[in-house]
Amino acid sequence: MQTNRFKFVHWLVAITLGLFFFMVIVDGSIVTIAIPEISQQLRVSTSLSEWIVTIYLMTICMFLLVFGRLGDLFGRVRIFRWGTVVFTLGSFLAGVPLGFGFVLFGRVVQGVGASMTMATSYAIVTSYFDKSQLGRALGVESVFISLGSVAGPALSGFILTQLPWGYIFWINVPVGIICLIFEELFFPSDAKQTAQKFDWLGALILAMAMLVITFSLLRLQIVGFTHLGLWLLFLAGIGAIFVWVRIEKHVSQPLVDHRIFKNIAFRNGLLAASLVFTATFFYNILAPFYLRIDQNLPMHLTSLLLTISPIVAVIMGPVAGTLNDKLSSQRLIIWGIWLLLLSQIGLALIRQETTLLLFGILSILLAIGNAFFQTANNVMVMTSVDQSQLGMAGSLNALVRELGLVIGTILATSVFFTTMSMQAGHQIINYTAHNNGLFIGSQSISYGLAALLIFVTGCLLIFPKYRRQKAKREVVVHEHN
């Protein structure tokens, strides 16, 4: 029977992992508001300063799968601890005002550390917690992820009103040191690893492919979606992935064991996560436009309404985890899908005269559905693989989240402005109050696409279960006859 101290240490580990996840995610957006001040002080253009955001996200996507495999080979806790050190060091370097190039160098170091911790966090939780508590543990993780996804701009704004811009990075240093102390005191030791070779060639090809893909996608957001060269670069990155897959099939100990994708629960869970992350990010892009410009609300009221969803997500994360432990992941996933589908359809039907109360209710439904789905899907994905594959499974899970957010931003923005341009009869690339008469139709089509993605996700997860149940019934009937 577990002692109270043992339980306390377990949850302290989960909170430490979640707190570091929070910092890593916050640092993807905390720079956004500081860009004008950084560009002015470092005497670089605003467009060039955007690289401070871009290079961090690119580095994470490049190395997630690499460190997932290294965690499986050399110890996930060891990789996480080193990731804490590297991220904290990078945070210090990024805040030192020694020039634009030095800031970018610090952000690359940060990105490497972030990828090390993100690649191993899910695996540590899954291997450390008993299955009866895993839903609650991952629910705690989801609380920090939800907070991190929205806290960046607010935290940045608060720091910049009091301190120089370097402190938006330096704030991570004391938190990182505290996390490192907790890791040394309370984290479990790594299980003994079997001697295996690391696929350096596969890691190099994959890292370069992910670099090309994320670079092209992130730059398309900035320079526009009609840039042919970037689309060709994106296709080249996809082509490199296919080359990598063919090479890996002939490697005795590949970077990614492709047998993991023969696992239906893992494969479908991963694909479902990417679709849901893509679809739910439509709200993050469109909701501020709707409230601030179309509804002409003041900034403080807009901010208040936009905090509804993350606050509900923070509350519902542990609730979803508890329900998952008492019920089943499959049932909670279905509930989440229905709530997400209902919220997206409701958002697609919003009109200019729609009350803010209804908008708030739809935001709550979206947050609850997302908490239910993400918590249960994470449990399903991470428990569907062998212990030796947890690092790879966790890094793939983190990677689809990062790519889903990037693709969601691109898809929402491109569909929204393309539809608006078609209505206007000329190209529109910025949304202003002069375009608000075109907003509702474009918003409806965009949210309609998001609802379609959620519907496809439901089909992907529910139909295989129905077929398995039907097959079992047929076997029972056959045996009875």
Protein backbone atom coordinates (compact mmCIF):
# COMPACT_ATOMS: atom_id res chain seq x y z
CA MET A 1 0.00 0.00 0.00
CA GLN A 2 1.33 3.40 -0.93
CA THR A 3 2.38 5.68 1.94
CA ASN A 4 1.32 9.34 1.93
CA ARG A 5 4.92 10.38 1.32
CA PHE A 6 5.16 8.06 -1.69
CA LYS A 7 1.96 9.55 -3.14
CA PHE A 8 3.26 13.07 -2.44
CA VAL A 9 6.51 12.37 -4.29
CA HIS A 10 4.58 10.94 -7.24
CA TRP A 11 2.50 14.08 -7.64
CA LEU A 12 5.52 16.31 -7.04
CA VAL A 13 7.15 14.60 -10.03
CA ALA A 14 4.02 15.22 -12.14
CA ILE A 15 3.88 18.90 -11.12
CA THR A 16 7.59 19.40 -11.86
CA LEU A 17 7.16 17.88 -15.31
CA GLY A 18 4.09 20.03 -15.90
CA LEU A 19 5.79 23.22 -14.70
CA PHE A 20 8.66 22.69 -17.11
CA PHE A 21 6.17 21.91 -19.91
CA PHE A 22 4.53 25.25 -19.05
CA MET A 23 7.79 27.16 -19.47
CA VAL A 24 8.63 25.42 -22.74
CA ILE A 25 5.22 26.20 -24.26
CA VAL A 26 5.13 29.76 -22.93
CA ASP A 27 8.46 30.48 -24.60
CA GLY A 28 6.88 29.77 -27.98
CA SER A 29 4.65 32.84 -27.63
CA ILE A 30 6.15 35.05 -24.91
CA VAL A 31 8.36 36.83 -27.46
CA THR A 32 5.49 37.96 -29.70
CA ILE A 33 4.62 41.15 -27.83
CA ALA A 34 8.30 41.95 -27.22
CA ILE A 35 9.23 41.83 -30.94
CA PRO A 36 8.90 45.63 -31.54
CA GLU A 37 11.03 46.49 -28.50
CA ILE A 38 13.66 43.84 -29.28
CA SER A 39 13.92 44.93 -32.93
CA GLN A 40 14.27 48.58 -31.91
CA GLN A 41 16.96 47.94 -29.28
CA LEU A 42 18.93 45.49 -31.47
CA ARG A 43 18.42 47.70 -34.55
CA VAL A 44 16.94 45.02 -36.80
CA SER A 45 13.71 45.04 -38.80
CA THR A 46 10.51 43.66 -37.29
CA SER A 47 10.28 41.01 -40.01
CA LEU A 48 13.82 39.84 -39.18
CA SER A 49 12.98 39.77 -35.48
CA GLU A 50 10.24 37.23 -36.22
CA TRP A 51 13.07 34.71 -36.48
CA ILE A 52 13.30 34.80 -32.67
CA VAL A 53 9.94 32.99 -32.62
CA THR A 54 10.46 30.88 -35.75
CA ILE A 55 13.89 29.44 -34.94
CA TYR A 56 12.73 28.21 -31.51
CA LEU A 57 9.77 26.26 -32.96
CA MET A 58 11.89 24.91 -35.82
CA THR A 59 14.54 23.59 -33.42
CA ILE A 60 11.94 21.80 -31.31
CA CYS A 61 10.38 20.05 -34.30
CA MET A 62 13.82 19.08 -35.64
CA PHE A 63 14.94 17.21 -32.55
CA LEU A 64 11.81 15.83 -30.86
CA LEU A 65 12.01 12.35 -32.41
CA VAL A 66 15.80 12.25 -32.03
CA PHE A 67 15.62 12.81 -28.27
CA GLY A 68 12.65 10.47 -27.98
CA ARG A 69 14.86 7.68 -29.31
CA LEU A 70 17.83 8.74 -27.18
CA GLY A 71 15.55 8.60 -24.14
CA ASP A 72 14.62 5.02 -24.95
CA LEU A 73 18.30 4.12 -25.37
CA PHE A 74 20.04 6.03 -22.59
CA GLY A 75 17.31 6.88 -20.06
CA ARG A 76 14.36 9.26 -20.25
CA VAL A 77 14.96 10.88 -16.86
CA ARG A 78 18.62 11.47 -17.81
CA ILE A 79 17.59 13.17 -21.07
CA PHE A 80 14.96 15.25 -19.26
CA ARG A 81 17.47 16.43 -16.66
CA TRP A 82 19.99 17.43 -19.29
CA GLY A 83 17.14 19.13 -21.19
CA THR A 84 16.38 21.17 -18.06
CA VAL A 85 20.02 22.30 -17.90
CA VAL A 86 20.20 23.13 -21.62
CA PHE A 87 16.87 25.01 -21.66
CA THR A 88 17.82 27.04 -18.56
CA LEU A 89 21.21 27.90 -20.09
CA GLY A 90 19.54 28.88 -23.37
CA SER A 91 17.09 31.10 -21.49
CA PHE A 92 19.99 32.96 -19.89
CA LEU A 93 21.84 33.35 -23.21
CA ALA A 94 18.73 34.53 -25.12
CA GLY A 95 18.26 37.43 -22.70
CA VAL A 96 21.83 38.74 -23.00
CA PRO A 97 21.71 41.80 -25.32
CA LEU A 98 24.93 41.05 -27.25
CA GLY A 99 23.32 41.36 -30.66
CA PHE A 100 20.63 39.73 -32.75
CA GLY A 101 22.76 36.73 -33.71
CA PHE A 102 23.51 35.96 -30.06
CA VAL A 103 19.79 36.08 -29.19
CA LEU A 104 19.08 33.61 -32.02
CA PHE A 105 21.86 31.35 -30.71
CA GLY A 106 20.27 31.41 -27.26
CA ARG A 107 16.89 30.52 -28.77
CA VAL A 108 18.42 27.55 -30.60
CA VAL A 109 19.91 26.31 -27.31
CA GLN A 110 16.51 26.82 -25.69
CA GLY A 111 14.84 24.85 -28.49
CA VAL A 112 17.23 21.92 -28.06
CA GLY A 113 16.53 21.83 -24.32
CA ALA A 114 12.79 22.14 -24.91
CA SER A 115 12.80 19.22 -27.35
CA MET A 116 14.71 17.08 -24.83
CA THR A 117 12.09 17.66 -22.12
CA MET A 118 9.04 17.47 -24.40
CA ALA A 119 10.26 14.22 -25.96
CA THR A 120 10.53 12.44 -22.60
CA SER A 121 7.86 14.03 -20.38
CA TYR A 122 4.91 11.83 -21.44
CA ALA A 123 7.08 8.71 -21.23
CA ILE A 124 8.23 9.51 -17.68
CA VAL A 125 4.64 10.03 -16.50
CA THR A 126 3.44 6.84 -18.18
CA SER A 127 6.23 4.68 -16.77
CA TYR A 128 6.11 6.23 -13.27
CA PHE A 129 2.37 6.24 -12.57
CA ASP A 130 0.17 3.21 -12.09
CA LYS A 131 -2.47 2.79 -14.81
CA SER A 132 -5.23 3.51 -12.27
CA GLN A 133 -3.76 7.01 -11.73
CA LEU A 134 -2.38 7.73 -15.19
CA GLY A 135 -5.42 9.71 -16.35
CA ARG A 136 -5.17 12.07 -13.39
CA ALA A 137 -1.41 12.47 -13.89
CA LEU A 138 -1.80 13.34 -17.57
CA GLY A 139 -4.72 15.58 -16.58
CA VAL A 140 -2.31 17.55 -14.38
CA GLU A 141 0.05 17.82 -17.37
CA SER A 142 -2.81 19.16 -19.50
CA VAL A 143 -3.44 21.93 -16.94
CA PHE A 144 0.09 23.29 -17.42
CA ILE A 145 -0.15 22.87 -21.20
CA SER A 146 -3.43 24.83 -21.27
CA LEU A 147 -1.95 27.58 -19.11
CA GLY A 148 1.21 27.74 -21.19
CA SER A 149 -0.68 28.08 -24.46
CA VAL A 150 -2.36 31.33 -23.34
CA ALA A 151 -0.06 32.78 -20.67
CA GLY A 152 2.77 33.87 -22.97
CA PRO A 153 1.47 37.25 -24.22
CA ALA A 154 0.02 38.22 -20.80
CA LEU A 155 3.21 37.29 -18.96
CA SER A 156 5.32 39.09 -21.56
CA GLY A 157 3.18 42.24 -21.27
CA PHE A 158 3.53 42.27 -17.47
CA ILE A 159 7.32 41.83 -17.59
CA LEU A 160 7.85 44.46 -20.28
CA THR A 161 5.98 47.12 -18.26
CA GLN A 162 8.38 46.61 -15.35
CA LEU A 163 11.69 45.29 -16.71
CA PRO A 164 13.92 45.17 -19.85
CA TRP A 165 13.02 42.62 -22.53
CA GLY A 166 15.78 40.19 -21.49
CA TYR A 167 13.74 39.22 -18.43
CA ILE A 168 11.12 37.47 -20.57
CA PHE A 169 13.83 34.82 -20.98
CA TRP A 170 15.62 35.21 -17.64
CA ILE A 171 12.42 34.45 -15.71
CA ASN A 172 12.99 30.82 -16.74
CA VAL A 173 16.38 30.64 -14.99
CA PRO A 174 15.28 30.50 -11.31
CA VAL A 175 12.32 28.26 -12.21
CA GLY A 176 14.65 25.96 -14.15
CA ILE A 177 17.06 25.72 -11.22
CA ILE A 178 14.21 24.87 -8.82
CA CYS A 179 12.94 22.19 -11.23
CA LEU A 180 16.45 20.76 -11.54
CA ILE A 181 16.75 20.49 -7.73
CA PHE A 182 13.39 18.70 -7.55
CA GLU A 183 14.47 16.38 -10.36
CA GLU A 184 17.64 15.43 -8.50
CA LEU A 185 15.78 14.87 -5.22
CA PHE A 186 12.56 13.19 -6.29
CA PHE A 187 12.72 11.84 -9.86
CA PRO A 188 13.00 8.07 -10.24
CA SER A 189 16.14 6.42 -11.52
CA ASP A 190 16.18 5.19 -15.10
CA ALA A 191 15.66 1.50 -15.68
CA LYS A 192 18.73 -0.35 -16.92
CA GLN A 193 19.00 0.14 -20.68
CA THR A 194 19.99 -2.53 -23.16
CA ALA A 195 22.95 -1.78 -25.42
CA GLN A 196 21.73 -0.62 -28.83
CA LYS A 197 23.17 1.47 -31.63
CA PHE A 198 21.86 4.93 -32.41
CA ASP A 199 20.87 5.57 -36.02
CA TRP A 200 22.86 8.75 -36.68
CA LEU A 201 22.18 8.79 -40.44
CA GLY A 202 18.44 8.43 -39.90
CA ALA A 203 18.53 11.16 -37.25
CA LEU A 204 20.37 13.55 -39.61
CA ILE A 205 17.98 12.95 -42.53
CA LEU A 206 14.90 13.30 -40.32
CA ALA A 207 16.19 16.45 -38.62
CA MET A 208 16.90 18.08 -41.98
CA ALA A 209 13.48 17.05 -43.31
CA MET A 210 11.71 18.49 -40.26
CA LEU A 211 13.81 21.66 -40.55
CA VAL A 212 12.70 22.16 -44.16
CA ILE A 213 9.04 21.37 -43.41
CA THR A 214 8.71 23.60 -40.35
CA PHE A 215 10.73 26.42 -41.93
CA SER A 216 8.50 26.49 -45.02
CA LEU A 217 5.27 26.30 -42.99
CA LEU A 218 6.29 28.98 -40.49
CA ARG A 219 7.56 31.33 -43.21
CA LEU A 220 4.33 30.87 -45.22
CA GLN A 221 2.47 32.38 -42.25
CA ILE A 222 4.64 35.48 -42.44
CA VAL A 223 5.26 36.13 -46.15
CA GLY A 224 1.95 34.83 -47.51
CA PHE A 225 0.49 31.59 -48.78
CA THR A 226 1.05 32.29 -52.50
CA HIS A 227 4.84 32.00 -52.22
CA LEU A 228 5.63 29.23 -54.73
CA GLY A 229 9.22 28.74 -53.58
CA LEU A 230 8.16 27.95 -50.02
CA TRP A 231 5.55 25.44 -51.22
CA LEU A 232 8.20 23.71 -53.32
CA LEU A 233 10.50 23.65 -50.30
CA PHE A 234 7.69 22.12 -48.24
CA LEU A 235 7.18 19.39 -50.85
CA ALA A 236 10.94 18.75 -50.85
CA GLY A 237 10.75 18.20 -47.09
CA ILE A 238 7.87 15.75 -47.51
CA GLY A 239 9.90 13.97 -50.19
CA ALA A 240 12.82 13.71 -47.77
CA ILE A 241 10.50 12.04 -45.24
CA PHE A 242 9.62 9.36 -47.84
CA VAL A 243 13.33 8.82 -48.57
CA TRP A 244 14.00 8.53 -44.84
CA VAL A 245 11.22 5.93 -44.45
CA ARG A 246 12.68 3.78 -47.24
CA ILE A 247 16.19 3.98 -45.75
CA GLU A 248 14.96 3.16 -42.23
CA LYS A 249 13.34 -0.07 -43.44
CA HIS A 250 16.82 -1.45 -44.11
CA VAL A 251 18.38 -0.36 -40.80
CA SER A 252 18.67 -3.02 -38.07
CA GLN A 253 18.04 -0.53 -35.22
CA PRO A 254 16.19 2.42 -36.84
CA LEU A 255 15.51 5.79 -35.28
CA VAL A 256 11.77 5.02 -35.39
CA ASP A 257 10.66 1.41 -35.20
CA HIS A 258 8.01 1.41 -37.94
CA ARG A 259 6.29 -1.55 -36.31
CA ILE A 260 4.89 0.97 -33.84
CA PHE A 261 2.58 2.24 -36.60
CA LYS A 262 1.09 -1.24 -37.05
CA ASN A 263 -0.47 -0.68 -33.64
CA ILE A 264 -3.96 0.53 -34.63
CA ALA A 265 -4.72 2.26 -31.31
CA PHE A 266 -1.42 4.16 -31.39
CA ARG A 267 -1.64 5.09 -35.08
CA ASN A 268 -5.25 6.25 -34.94
CA GLY A 269 -4.70 8.09 -31.66
CA LEU A 270 -1.75 9.97 -33.13
CA LEU A 271 -3.66 10.90 -36.28
CA ALA A 272 -6.69 11.93 -34.22
CA ALA A 273 -4.52 14.16 -32.03
CA SER A 274 -3.09 15.95 -35.08
CA LEU A 275 -6.59 16.54 -36.53
CA VAL A 276 -8.00 17.84 -33.24
CA PHE A 277 -5.04 20.14 -32.56
CA THR A 278 -5.43 21.52 -36.09
CA ALA A 279 -9.19 22.02 -35.77
CA THR A 280 -9.27 23.54 -32.28
CA PHE A 281 -6.60 26.10 -33.18
CA PHE A 282 -9.10 27.73 -35.57
CA TYR A 283 -10.74 29.23 -32.46
CA ASN A 284 -7.43 30.76 -31.30
CA ILE A 285 -7.05 32.52 -34.65
CA LEU A 286 -10.64 33.63 -35.34
CA ALA A 287 -12.08 34.40 -31.89
CA PRO A 288 -9.95 37.54 -31.26
CA PHE A 289 -10.97 38.91 -34.68
CA TYR A 290 -14.65 38.25 -33.96
CA LEU A 291 -14.65 39.91 -30.55
CA ARG A 292 -12.27 42.81 -31.12
CA ILE A 293 -13.17 43.98 -34.62
CA ASP A 294 -16.46 42.39 -35.71
CA GLN A 295 -18.17 42.90 -32.31
CA ASN A 296 -16.17 46.09 -31.62
CA LEU A 297 -15.48 45.13 -27.99
CA PRO A 298 -12.88 46.96 -25.90
CA MET A 299 -9.58 45.19 -25.28
CA HIS A 300 -10.24 44.40 -21.62
CA LEU A 301 -13.59 42.73 -22.39
CA THR A 302 -12.07 40.81 -25.32
CA SER A 303 -9.28 39.53 -23.08
CA LEU A 304 -11.80 38.56 -20.39
CA LEU A 305 -13.92 36.52 -22.84
CA LEU A 306 -10.85 34.83 -24.32
CA THR A 307 -9.74 33.67 -20.88
CA ILE A 308 -12.95 31.63 -20.43
CA SER A 309 -11.69 28.68 -22.47
CA PRO A 310 -8.26 28.30 -20.79
CA ILE A 311 -9.72 28.74 -17.29
CA VAL A 312 -12.28 26.00 -17.97
CA ALA A 313 -9.51 23.83 -19.46
CA VAL A 314 -7.43 24.25 -16.29
CA ILE A 315 -10.39 23.16 -14.14
CA MET A 316 -11.44 20.30 -16.40
CA GLY A 317 -7.97 18.77 -16.89
CA PRO A 318 -7.90 16.97 -13.51
CA VAL A 319 -11.65 16.23 -13.79
CA ALA A 320 -11.09 14.56 -17.17
CA GLY A 321 -8.17 12.59 -15.72
CA THR A 322 -10.29 11.33 -12.82
CA LEU A 323 -13.14 10.35 -15.16
CA ASN A 324 -10.68 8.53 -17.41
CA ASP A 325 -9.37 6.49 -14.45
CA LYS A 326 -12.90 5.57 -13.36
CA LEU A 327 -14.48 4.99 -16.77
CA SER A 328 -12.52 4.26 -19.94
CA SER A 329 -10.40 6.26 -22.37
CA GLN A 330 -12.61 5.25 -25.31
CA ARG A 331 -15.79 6.53 -23.67
CA LEU A 332 -14.20 9.83 -22.63
CA ILE A 333 -12.79 10.31 -26.14
CA ILE A 334 -16.27 9.90 -27.64
CA TRP A 335 -17.71 12.43 -25.18
CA GLY A 336 -14.92 14.84 -26.09
CA ILE A 337 -15.51 14.40 -29.82
CA TRP A 338 -19.24 15.12 -29.45
CA LEU A 339 -18.62 18.26 -27.39
CA LEU A 340 -15.94 19.49 -29.82
CA LEU A 341 -18.21 18.85 -32.81
CA LEU A 342 -21.12 20.64 -31.14
CA SER A 343 -18.96 23.66 -30.28
CA GLN A 344 -17.49 23.95 -33.79
CA ILE A 345 -20.92 23.72 -35.42
CA GLY A 346 -22.19 26.36 -32.97
CA LEU A 347 -19.27 28.66 -33.80
CA ALA A 348 -19.96 28.16 -37.52
CA LEU A 349 -23.57 29.33 -36.98
CA ILE A 350 -22.61 32.49 -35.08
CA ARG A 351 -23.92 35.72 -36.59
CA GLN A 352 -23.16 39.37 -35.87
CA GLU A 353 -26.23 39.63 -33.62
CA THR A 354 -25.31 36.52 -31.61
CA THR A 355 -25.18 37.24 -27.87
CA LEU A 356 -21.87 37.11 -26.03
CA LEU A 357 -23.49 34.66 -23.61
CA LEU A 358 -23.83 32.09 -26.40
CA PHE A 359 -20.23 32.73 -27.47
CA GLY A 360 -19.15 32.10 -23.87
CA ILE A 361 -21.14 28.84 -23.70
CA LEU A 362 -19.56 27.61 -26.93
CA SER A 363 -16.11 28.49 -25.57
CA ILE A 364 -16.85 26.43 -22.46
CA LEU A 365 -18.04 23.45 -24.54
CA LEU A 366 -14.88 23.68 -26.64
CA ALA A 367 -12.65 23.68 -23.53
CA ILE A 368 -14.46 20.75 -21.88
CA GLY A 369 -14.44 18.71 -25.10
CA ASN A 370 -10.75 19.41 -25.62
CA ALA A 371 -9.89 18.45 -22.01
CA PHE A 372 -11.84 15.19 -22.31
CA PHE A 373 -10.36 14.27 -25.68
CA GLN A 374 -6.73 15.22 -25.06
CA THR A 375 -6.46 13.57 -21.63
CA ALA A 376 -8.11 10.31 -22.72
CA ASN A 377 -6.31 10.21 -26.08
CA ASN A 378 -2.93 10.73 -24.40
CA VAL A 379 -3.66 7.82 -22.06
CA MET A 380 -4.74 5.62 -24.98
CA VAL A 381 -1.68 6.49 -27.07
CA MET A 382 0.87 6.08 -24.28
CA THR A 383 -0.58 2.83 -22.89
CA SER A 384 -0.89 1.18 -26.30
CA VAL A 385 2.87 0.73 -26.77
CA ASP A 386 5.55 -1.36 -25.12
CA GLN A 387 7.63 0.15 -22.28
CA SER A 388 10.68 0.18 -24.56
CA GLN A 389 8.83 2.44 -27.02
CA LEU A 390 7.52 5.01 -24.54
CA GLY A 391 10.12 7.64 -25.44
CA MET A 392 9.37 7.38 -29.14
CA ALA A 393 5.61 7.37 -28.49
CA GLY A 394 5.87 10.46 -26.27
CA SER A 395 8.02 12.38 -28.75
CA LEU A 396 5.66 11.53 -31.63
CA ASN A 397 2.73 12.68 -29.50
CA ALA A 398 4.49 15.99 -28.79
CA LEU A 399 5.47 16.39 -32.45
CA VAL A 400 1.91 16.04 -33.79
CA ARG A 401 0.81 18.68 -31.27
CA GLU A 402 3.45 21.16 -32.47
CA LEU A 403 2.74 20.48 -36.15
CA GLY A 404 -1.02 20.56 -35.52
CA LEU A 405 -0.76 24.06 -34.06
CA VAL A 406 1.33 25.29 -36.99
CA ILE A 407 -0.92 23.65 -39.61
CA GLY A 408 -4.04 24.88 -37.78
CA THR A 409 -2.75 28.44 -37.94
CA ILE A 410 -1.97 28.16 -41.65
CA LEU A 411 -5.23 26.42 -42.55
CA ALA A 412 -7.45 28.76 -40.52
CA THR A 413 -5.72 31.88 -41.88
CA SER A 414 -5.63 30.74 -45.51
CA VAL A 415 -9.26 29.54 -45.59
CA PHE A 416 -10.46 32.67 -43.80
CA PHE A 417 -8.71 35.20 -46.04
CA THR A 418 -9.27 33.21 -49.25
CA THR A 419 -13.02 33.08 -48.57
CA MET A 420 -13.08 36.76 -47.68
CA SER A 421 -11.17 37.65 -50.86
CA MET A 422 -13.63 35.64 -52.97
CA GLN A 423 -16.55 37.50 -51.41
CA ALA A 424 -14.91 40.87 -51.93
CA GLY A 425 -13.72 40.18 -55.48
CA HIS A 426 -10.16 41.25 -54.65
CA GLN A 427 -7.34 39.97 -52.47
CA ILE A 428 -7.54 40.67 -48.74
CA ILE A 429 -4.55 39.77 -46.57
CA ASN A 430 -5.35 41.79 -43.42
CA TYR A 431 -8.56 41.95 -41.43
CA THR A 432 -9.73 45.44 -40.49
CA ALA A 433 -12.98 47.06 -39.49
CA HIS A 434 -13.54 47.93 -43.15
CA ASN A 435 -13.91 44.21 -43.91
CA ASN A 436 -16.30 43.33 -41.09
CA GLY A 437 -19.24 42.90 -43.45
CA LEU A 438 -17.39 39.94 -44.99
CA PHE A 439 -16.36 38.38 -41.71
CA ILE A 440 -19.33 36.17 -40.80
CA GLY A 441 -19.41 34.17 -44.03
CA SER A 442 -15.67 33.54 -43.93
CA GLN A 443 -15.81 32.60 -40.24
CA SER A 444 -18.66 30.15 -40.88
CA ILE A 445 -16.77 28.34 -43.63
CA SER A 446 -13.60 28.20 -41.53
CA TYR A 447 -15.36 26.74 -38.49
CA GLY A 448 -17.27 24.42 -40.82
CA LEU A 449 -13.94 23.00 -41.98
CA ALA A 450 -12.88 22.60 -38.34
CA ALA A 451 -16.13 20.72 -37.63
CA LEU A 452 -15.42 18.45 -40.60
CA LEU A 453 -11.96 17.64 -39.20
CA ILE A 454 -13.54 16.77 -35.84
CA PHE A 455 -16.13 14.58 -37.59
CA VAL A 456 -13.37 12.73 -39.47
CA THR A 457 -11.58 12.24 -36.13
CA GLY A 458 -14.73 10.70 -34.66
CA CYS A 459 -15.07 8.33 -37.61
CA LEU A 460 -11.41 7.39 -37.30
CA LEU A 461 -11.75 6.42 -33.63
CA ILE A 462 -15.33 5.13 -33.38
CA PHE A 463 -15.71 3.00 -36.53
CA PRO A 464 -12.78 0.63 -35.77
CA LYS A 465 -14.28 0.02 -32.33
CA TYR A 466 -17.67 -0.70 -33.91
CA ARG A 467 -16.09 -3.16 -36.36
CA ARG A 468 -14.27 -4.97 -33.54
CA GLN A 469 -17.46 -5.24 -31.51
CA LYS A 470 -19.37 -6.53 -34.54
CA ALA A 471 -16.66 -9.12 -35.22
CA LYS A 472 -16.83 -10.30 -31.60
CA ARG A 473 -20.62 -10.65 -31.80
CA GLU A 474 -20.31 -12.65 -35.01
CA VAL A 475 -17.78 -14.98 -33.35
CA VAL A 476 -20.10 -15.50 -30.38
CA VAL A 477 -23.07 -16.23 -32.67
CA HIS A 478 -20.96 -18.64 -34.74
CA GLU A 479 -19.77 -20.50 -31.63
CA HIS A 480 -23.32 -20.66 -30.29
CA ASN A 481 -24.60 -22.18 -33.52
